[in-house]
Protein backbone atom coordinates (compact mmCIF):
# COMPACT_ATOMS: atom_id res chain seq x y z
CA MET A 1 76.35 -195.05 -82.34
CA GLU A 2 78.59 -192.65 -84.37
CA ALA A 3 81.78 -193.89 -82.52
CA ALA A 4 80.88 -197.48 -83.42
CA ARG A 5 80.09 -196.64 -86.96
CA SER A 6 83.14 -194.57 -87.49
CA TYR A 7 85.23 -197.51 -86.05
CA LEU A 8 83.62 -200.02 -88.27
CA LYS A 9 84.60 -197.74 -91.31
CA SER A 10 87.97 -197.50 -90.26
CA MET A 11 88.23 -201.29 -89.77
CA GLY A 12 87.16 -201.60 -93.41
CA VAL A 13 89.99 -199.57 -94.61
CA GLU A 14 92.16 -201.49 -92.34
CA LEU A 15 91.04 -204.80 -93.98
CA GLY A 16 91.78 -203.48 -97.48
CA LYS A 17 95.37 -203.18 -96.34
CA ALA A 18 95.64 -206.69 -94.84
CA SER A 19 98.35 -209.09 -96.12
CA ARG A 20 97.60 -212.57 -96.48
CA GLU A 21 99.37 -213.10 -92.98
CA THR A 22 97.16 -210.71 -91.33
CA TRP A 23 93.96 -211.45 -93.06
CA ASP A 24 92.23 -213.50 -90.48
CA GLN A 25 93.19 -211.23 -87.66
CA GLU A 26 91.85 -208.14 -89.32
CA LYS A 27 88.64 -210.01 -90.42
CA ASP A 28 88.01 -210.98 -86.82
CA ARG A 29 88.62 -207.31 -85.82
CA VAL A 30 85.97 -206.17 -88.48
CA GLY A 31 83.51 -208.85 -87.24
CA ARG A 32 83.80 -207.44 -83.68
CA ALA A 33 83.36 -203.80 -84.98
CA TRP A 34 80.29 -204.90 -86.95
CA VAL A 35 78.65 -206.51 -83.77
CA SER A 36 79.64 -203.41 -81.69
CA THR A 37 77.83 -201.29 -84.33
CA GLN A 38 74.78 -203.53 -84.26
CA ASP A 39 74.72 -203.41 -80.44
CA ALA A 40 74.86 -199.55 -80.50
CA TYR A 41 72.20 -199.43 -83.22
CA SER A 42 69.86 -201.65 -81.06
CA LYS A 43 70.52 -199.41 -77.90
CA VAL A 44 69.62 -196.13 -79.89
CA LYS A 45 66.50 -197.88 -81.48
CA SER A 46 65.25 -199.14 -78.13
CA SER A 47 65.86 -195.87 -76.43
CA THR A 48 63.84 -193.84 -79.15
CA THR A 49 61.04 -196.24 -79.39
CA SER A 50 60.42 -196.93 -75.45
């Protein structure tokens, strides 16, 4: 969970540096990082509530 969260935060920084030419690519990377973080959260949640 922490690794996914950290990666998501770093992607936010990278998105802030994106140029017009790289915006779509960086936006997609942030989207994938968000999904990864949600998946990690779900795994943690299910392991603590089971």
